[in-house]
């Protein structure tokens, strides 16, 4: 009888020791850094994935965790049903607990999407469509239909996206980036328009946006922007045509081959500011913040003309004779 009691006590002690060891392991295991096959491991969790499926995804991605243990841990922790779909990254030093926290919080991998100052909508569409990090949910939808498709209360998107770098979740949609950029431009334009000079000839924030897009395309040096704006504002005040090449180029569209000819300047289009007075009907590119501010608060200048010096800066002139001399010097080398 004694040996039976001793055996039972021994079994009980072993059970307690196993339970304690399991408890310690259960507590410590999630706090240990996980082994990775690379410094950073990326993976995607599909919508509706079960804990077992998530464990399999982690294993196949190169995370050194037993799929069976992970699946059990997720189930017993009660977190399996709270995991959010998306694209994730695990870095060296991340623990199992940190990984689970990322999945539950939806802390997805972020990527940068940059829209460049001076890009037109065609260039924006090409860049977003070619991004390997975005899901193109607007594939096949003509850009002219994007405002209606996205519920934006604007007639078009040309110039209406703020050039900036946007941090978005990997796998985000193209439409989400467009909405963010459109909202950012709407806010920026409203703030800038509120700072307009009292004597501006611009009649609306829309006109300010159009002029800013021209300034953006005409300026190679940031310090020249207010002066370029001053030239165009001076012309607008006296009814002089803006006569700016970038608007003509925009009007040519894909027909422009990099060489602007005299016949192009003489061919009338809605964007030819040599043949038509006033501003073109829409912006011609995305203006940055500095160009927007220059449009509404131009430099106080008497200049009506400017010409590129060849180093990115411009030479400004008050009279046509001065301008012609500057053209001969900087453009014709005479």
Protein backbone atom coordinates (compact mmCIF):
# COMPACT_ATOMS: atom_id res chain seq x y z
CA UNK A 1 0.00 0.00 0.00
CA UNK A 2 2.88 2.30 0.88
CA UNK A 3 4.49 1.91 -2.52
CA UNK A 4 1.18 2.84 -4.17
CA UNK A 5 0.94 6.00 -2.08
CA UNK A 6 4.51 6.88 -2.90
CA UNK A 7 3.84 6.33 -6.59
CA UNK A 8 0.78 8.57 -6.46
CA UNK A 9 2.75 11.26 -4.65
CA UNK A 10 5.52 10.97 -7.23
CA UNK A 11 3.03 11.22 -10.10
CA UNK A 12 1.43 14.20 -8.43
CA UNK A 13 4.79 15.91 -7.95
CA UNK A 14 5.74 15.25 -11.56
CA UNK A 15 2.40 16.60 -12.73
CA UNK A 16 2.89 19.74 -10.66
CA UNK A 17 6.42 20.16 -12.02
CA UNK A 18 5.20 19.69 -15.58
CA UNK A 19 2.38 22.15 -15.00
CA UNK A 20 4.75 24.70 -13.49
CA UNK A 21 7.25 24.24 -16.34
CA UNK A 22 4.45 24.56 -18.88
CA UNK A 23 3.20 27.68 -17.15
CA UNK A 24 6.66 29.23 -17.12
CA UNK A 25 7.13 28.33 -20.76
CA UNK A 26 3.67 29.67 -21.63
CA UNK A 27 4.55 32.93 -19.92
CA UNK A 28 8.11 33.30 -21.24
CA UNK A 29 7.72 31.96 -24.78
CA UNK A 30 5.73 34.93 -26.14
CA UNK A 31 8.39 37.30 -24.75
CA UNK A 32 11.29 35.73 -26.65
CA UNK A 33 12.42 37.20 -30.00
CA UNK A 34 11.28 35.00 -32.86
CA UNK A 35 13.75 33.55 -35.33
CA UNK A 36 13.50 34.99 -38.85
CA UNK A 37 14.98 33.89 -42.15
CA UNK A 38 15.79 37.56 -42.95
CA UNK A 39 16.07 40.88 -41.11
CA UNK A 40 12.50 41.66 -42.15
CA UNK A 41 9.80 39.17 -43.10
CA UNK A 42 6.69 40.31 -44.95
CA UNK A 43 3.41 38.45 -45.21
CA UNK A 44 -0.27 39.00 -45.91
CA UNK A 45 -3.22 37.91 -43.81
CA UNK A 46 -6.32 37.36 -45.92
CA UNK A 47 -9.77 38.48 -44.72
CA UNK A 48 -11.44 35.81 -42.58
CA UNK A 49 -8.25 33.82 -41.97
CA UNK A 50 -8.46 31.43 -39.01
CA UNK A 51 -5.81 31.15 -36.31
CA UNK A 52 -4.49 27.97 -37.91
CA UNK A 53 -4.28 29.67 -41.31
CA UNK A 54 -2.45 32.66 -39.82
CA UNK A 55 0.02 30.28 -38.16
CA UNK A 56 0.62 28.66 -41.54
CA UNK A 57 1.16 32.04 -43.19
CA UNK A 58 3.77 32.96 -40.58
CA UNK A 59 5.59 29.65 -41.03
CA UNK A 60 5.68 29.92 -44.83
CA UNK A 61 6.89 33.53 -44.63
CA UNK A 62 10.01 32.42 -42.76
CA UNK A 63 9.03 32.99 -39.14
CA UNK A 64 10.65 30.36 -36.94
CA UNK A 65 7.57 29.45 -34.93
CA UNK A 66 5.84 26.09 -34.86
CA UNK A 67 2.51 26.45 -36.70
CA UNK A 68 0.88 24.04 -34.23
CA UNK A 69 2.11 26.00 -31.20
CA UNK A 70 1.11 29.33 -32.74
CA UNK A 71 -2.35 28.04 -33.64
CA UNK A 72 -2.83 26.70 -30.10
CA UNK A 73 -1.55 29.91 -28.55
CA UNK A 74 -3.83 32.06 -30.70
CA UNK A 75 -6.83 29.90 -29.79
CA UNK A 76 -6.12 29.76 -26.06
CA UNK A 77 -5.28 33.47 -25.86
CA UNK A 78 -8.68 34.30 -27.33
CA UNK A 79 -7.10 36.62 -29.92
CA UNK A 80 -7.54 34.53 -33.06
CA UNK A 81 -10.89 36.12 -33.94
CA UNK A 82 -9.51 39.65 -33.49
CA UNK A 83 -6.73 39.40 -36.08
CA UNK A 84 -7.12 41.95 -38.88
CA UNK A 85 -6.45 41.31 -42.55
CA UNK A 86 -3.64 43.20 -44.23
CA UNK A 87 0.05 43.32 -45.13
CA UNK A 88 2.47 43.00 -42.23
CA UNK A 89 6.18 42.98 -41.55
CA UNK A 90 8.09 41.32 -38.71
CA UNK A 91 11.52 42.67 -37.88
CA UNK A 92 14.49 41.19 -36.07
CA UNK A 93 13.86 41.46 -32.34
CA UNK A 94 10.07 41.19 -32.54
CA UNK A 95 8.64 38.76 -30.02
CA UNK A 96 5.68 36.45 -30.53
CA UNK A 97 3.66 38.78 -28.30
CA UNK A 98 4.66 41.76 -30.46
CA UNK A 99 3.68 39.88 -33.61
CA UNK A 100 0.26 39.09 -32.19
CA UNK A 101 -0.14 42.71 -31.07
CA UNK A 102 0.56 43.89 -34.63
CA UNK A 103 -2.02 41.48 -36.04
CA UNK A 104 -4.71 42.40 -33.52
CA UNK A 105 -4.09 46.16 -33.76
CA UNK A 106 -3.89 46.05 -37.56
CA UNK A 107 -0.43 47.63 -37.42
CA UNK A 108 0.31 47.07 -41.07
CA UNK A 109 3.52 47.66 -42.99
CA UNK A 110 3.67 51.21 -44.33
CA UNK A 111 5.05 52.34 -47.67
CA UNK A 112 5.74 55.78 -49.10
CA UNK A 113 3.88 57.04 -52.15
CA UNK A 114 5.30 60.29 -53.52
CA UNK A 115 3.52 62.70 -55.86
CA UNK A 116 5.99 65.15 -57.40
CA UNK A 117 5.44 68.90 -57.76
CA UNK A 118 4.80 69.78 -61.38
CA UNK A 119 3.36 66.41 -62.38
CA UNK A 120 0.20 66.50 -64.45
CA UNK A 121 -2.63 64.04 -63.92
CA UNK A 122 -1.40 61.72 -66.65
CA UNK A 123 1.91 61.34 -64.81
CA UNK A 124 0.13 60.79 -61.49
CA UNK A 125 -2.04 58.05 -62.98
CA UNK A 126 1.02 56.34 -64.48
CA UNK A 127 2.93 56.45 -61.18
CA UNK A 128 0.06 55.15 -59.05
CA UNK A 129 -0.81 52.43 -61.55
CA UNK A 130 2.81 51.24 -61.65
CA UNK A 131 3.30 51.17 -57.88
CA UNK A 132 3.99 47.60 -56.68
CA UNK A 133 2.73 48.54 -53.22
CA UNK A 134 -0.78 49.67 -54.19
CA UNK A 135 -3.87 47.79 -55.28
CA UNK A 136 -5.22 49.50 -58.38
CA UNK A 137 -8.96 49.53 -57.77
CA UNK A 138 -9.34 52.17 -60.51
CA UNK A 139 -7.86 49.99 -63.24
CA UNK A 140 -9.79 50.58 -66.45
CA UNK A 141 -11.62 53.64 -65.09
CA UNK A 142 -10.79 56.75 -67.18
CA UNK A 143 -9.24 59.47 -64.97
CA UNK A 144 -11.98 61.84 -66.11
CA UNK A 145 -14.42 59.61 -64.20
CA UNK A 146 -12.35 59.39 -61.03
CA UNK A 147 -14.05 62.30 -59.21
CA UNK A 148 -17.49 60.72 -59.64
CA UNK A 149 -16.16 57.25 -58.84
CA UNK A 150 -14.57 58.52 -55.62
CA UNK A 151 -17.39 60.83 -54.59
CA UNK A 152 -15.26 63.98 -54.91
CA UNK A 153 -17.17 67.21 -55.49
CA UNK A 154 -14.83 68.50 -58.20
CA UNK A 155 -15.21 68.41 -62.00
CA UNK A 156 -11.69 67.06 -62.58
CA UNK A 157 -8.52 66.12 -60.71
CA UNK A 158 -5.94 68.01 -62.75
CA UNK A 159 -3.89 70.03 -60.27
CA UNK A 160 -6.21 69.08 -57.41
CA UNK A 161 -3.88 66.58 -55.72
CA UNK A 162 -1.32 67.97 -53.30
CA UNK A 163 2.21 66.88 -54.20
CA UNK A 164 3.65 65.23 -51.11
CA UNK A 165 4.84 61.91 -49.73
CA UNK A 166 1.98 59.87 -48.32
CA UNK A 167 2.54 57.00 -45.88
CA UNK A 168 -0.05 54.30 -46.50
CA UNK A 169 -0.47 50.66 -45.62
CA UNK A 170 1.13 48.27 -48.08
CA UNK A 171 -1.64 47.00 -50.31
CA UNK A 172 -3.71 50.17 -49.94
CA UNK A 173 -5.88 51.14 -52.88
CA UNK A 174 -5.03 53.75 -55.48
CA UNK A 175 -8.35 55.43 -54.70
CA UNK A 176 -7.37 55.86 -51.03
CA UNK A 177 -4.20 57.71 -52.04
CA UNK A 178 -6.11 59.90 -54.49
CA UNK A 179 -8.69 60.77 -51.84
CA UNK A 180 -5.96 61.65 -49.34
CA UNK A 181 -4.12 63.85 -51.84
CA UNK A 182 -7.34 65.55 -52.95
CA UNK A 183 -8.34 66.29 -49.35
CA UNK A 184 -4.85 67.61 -48.60
CA UNK A 185 -5.01 69.98 -51.59
CA UNK A 186 -8.48 71.17 -50.63
CA UNK A 187 -7.25 72.07 -47.15
CA UNK A 188 -4.04 73.67 -48.40
CA UNK A 189 -5.82 75.72 -51.05
CA UNK A 190 -8.38 77.01 -48.55
CA UNK A 191 -5.61 78.08 -46.16
CA UNK A 192 -3.62 79.80 -48.91
CA UNK A 193 -6.66 81.54 -50.40
CA UNK A 194 -7.42 83.00 -46.98
CA UNK A 195 -3.97 84.67 -47.13
CA UNK A 196 -4.49 86.31 -50.54
CA UNK A 197 -3.38 89.88 -51.13
CA UNK A 198 -6.29 92.36 -51.00
CA UNK A 199 -5.58 93.65 -54.52
CA UNK A 200 -5.22 90.28 -56.24
CA UNK A 201 -6.85 90.09 -59.68
CA UNK A 202 -7.69 86.44 -58.99
CA UNK A 203 -11.40 85.98 -58.49
CA UNK A 204 -11.48 82.58 -56.82
CA UNK A 205 -9.40 79.87 -55.20
CA UNK A 206 -9.79 77.92 -58.45
CA UNK A 207 -8.05 80.69 -60.38
CA UNK A 208 -5.32 80.75 -57.75
CA UNK A 209 -4.82 77.01 -58.28
CA UNK A 210 -4.57 77.47 -62.06
CA UNK A 211 -2.05 80.30 -61.76
CA UNK A 212 -0.04 78.34 -59.18
CA UNK A 213 0.22 75.41 -61.59
CA UNK A 214 1.70 77.72 -64.23
CA UNK A 215 4.14 79.19 -61.72
CA UNK A 216 5.18 75.66 -60.76
CA UNK A 217 6.00 74.76 -64.35
CA UNK A 218 7.74 78.06 -65.11
CA UNK A 219 10.04 78.12 -62.09
CA UNK A 220 13.36 76.36 -61.73
CA UNK A 221 14.53 78.19 -58.59
CA UNK A 222 12.28 78.48 -55.56
CA UNK A 223 13.23 82.11 -54.89
CA UNK A 224 11.92 83.09 -58.35
CA UNK A 225 8.36 81.95 -57.66
CA UNK A 226 7.01 85.23 -56.20
CA UNK A 227 8.62 87.19 -59.06
CA UNK A 228 7.20 84.87 -61.72
CA UNK A 229 3.82 85.25 -60.03
CA UNK A 230 4.29 89.03 -60.05
CA UNK A 231 4.89 89.03 -63.80
CA UNK A 232 1.72 87.07 -64.52
CA UNK A 233 -0.35 89.17 -62.12
CA UNK A 234 0.93 92.35 -63.78
CA UNK A 235 -0.13 90.99 -67.17
CA UNK A 236 -3.55 90.01 -65.85
CA UNK A 237 -4.13 93.49 -64.46
CA UNK A 238 -3.67 95.17 -67.83
CA UNK A 239 -5.34 92.42 -69.89
CA UNK A 240 -2.09 91.26 -71.45
CA UNK A 241 -1.94 87.63 -72.56
CA UNK A 242 0.05 85.38 -70.27
CA UNK A 243 2.07 83.92 -73.17
CA UNK A 244 3.50 80.99 -71.22
CA UNK A 245 4.92 77.93 -72.97
CA UNK A 246 3.88 75.30 -70.38
CA UNK A 247 0.19 75.93 -71.07
CA UNK A 248 0.75 75.42 -74.80
CA UNK A 249 2.65 72.21 -74.11
CA UNK A 250 -0.14 70.98 -71.86
CA UNK A 251 -2.68 71.70 -74.60
CA UNK A 252 -0.66 69.59 -77.04
CA UNK A 253 -0.92 66.61 -74.69
CA UNK A 254 0.74 63.45 -75.94
CA UNK A 255 1.43 65.14 -79.27
CA UNK A 256 4.23 67.13 -77.66
CA UNK A 257 7.55 65.52 -78.61
CA UNK A 258 9.83 67.70 -76.51
CA UNK A 259 10.27 70.37 -79.16
CA UNK A 260 7.95 73.39 -78.97
CA UNK A 261 7.67 74.93 -82.44
CA UNK A 262 6.48 78.32 -83.68
CA UNK A 263 3.47 76.68 -85.28
CA UNK A 264 2.50 75.28 -81.87
CA UNK A 265 2.46 78.78 -80.40
CA UNK A 266 0.23 79.92 -83.25
CA UNK A 267 -2.20 76.98 -83.14
CA UNK A 268 -5.21 77.85 -81.03
CA UNK A 269 -6.29 75.51 -78.22
CA UNK A 270 -8.12 76.27 -74.95
CA UNK A 271 -4.69 76.18 -73.27
CA UNK A 272 -2.78 78.38 -75.72
CA UNK A 273 -2.13 81.56 -73.72
CA UNK A 274 -0.50 83.12 -76.78
CA UNK A 275 -3.77 83.03 -78.72
CA UNK A 276 -6.20 83.42 -75.80
CA UNK A 277 -6.41 85.96 -73.02
CA UNK A 278 -6.70 85.09 -69.35
CA UNK A 279 -6.04 81.88 -67.52
CA UNK A 280 -6.44 78.44 -69.13
CA UNK A 281 -9.59 76.49 -68.20
CA UNK A 282 -7.89 74.15 -65.70
CA UNK A 283 -4.59 73.77 -63.88
CA UNK A 284 -1.84 72.24 -65.97
CA UNK A 285 0.00 70.44 -63.15
CA UNK A 286 0.13 69.90 -59.40
CA UNK A 287 1.49 73.03 -57.71
CA UNK A 288 3.35 72.79 -54.44
CA UNK A 289 2.73 74.93 -51.37
CA UNK A 290 5.27 77.59 -52.37
CA UNK A 291 3.69 78.08 -55.78
CA UNK A 292 0.22 78.31 -54.24
CA UNK A 293 1.38 80.99 -51.84
CA UNK A 294 3.22 82.87 -54.60
CA UNK A 295 0.05 82.96 -56.69
CA UNK A 296 -1.95 84.75 -53.99
CA UNK A 297 0.89 86.86 -52.60
CA UNK A 298 3.14 87.72 -55.57
CA UNK A 299 6.22 89.89 -55.35
CA UNK A 300 5.71 93.62 -55.82
CA UNK A 301 7.54 94.03 -59.12
CA UNK A 302 7.33 96.18 -62.22
CA UNK A 303 8.48 93.31 -64.43
CA UNK A 304 6.31 92.07 -67.28
CA UNK A 305 8.77 89.62 -68.80
CA UNK A 306 11.21 86.90 -67.80
CA UNK A 307 13.49 84.47 -69.60
CA UNK A 308 15.43 81.44 -68.43
CA UNK A 309 19.12 82.05 -67.81
CA UNK A 310 20.03 78.42 -68.37
CA UNK A 311 20.92 77.66 -64.76
CA UNK A 312 17.35 77.24 -63.52
CA UNK A 313 16.92 80.92 -62.61
CA UNK A 314 15.20 83.63 -64.65
CA UNK A 315 16.08 87.12 -65.81
CA UNK A 316 13.23 89.59 -65.23
CA UNK A 317 12.62 92.66 -67.36
CA UNK A 318 10.27 95.64 -67.19
CA UNK A 319 10.18 96.58 -70.88
CA UNK A 320 10.02 94.55 -74.07
CA UNK A 321 13.33 95.99 -75.24
CA UNK A 322 15.01 94.81 -72.02
CA UNK A 323 13.40 91.42 -72.46
CA UNK A 324 14.56 91.07 -76.07
CA UNK A 325 18.09 91.91 -74.96
CA UNK A 326 17.86 89.24 -72.25
CA UNK A 327 16.61 86.71 -74.80
CA UNK A 328 19.56 87.46 -77.08
CA UNK A 329 21.97 87.08 -74.18
CA UNK A 330 20.60 84.01 -72.45
CA UNK A 331 18.78 82.14 -75.23
CA UNK A 332 20.60 83.08 -78.41
CA UNK A 333 24.09 83.63 -76.93
CA UNK A 334 24.58 86.99 -78.61
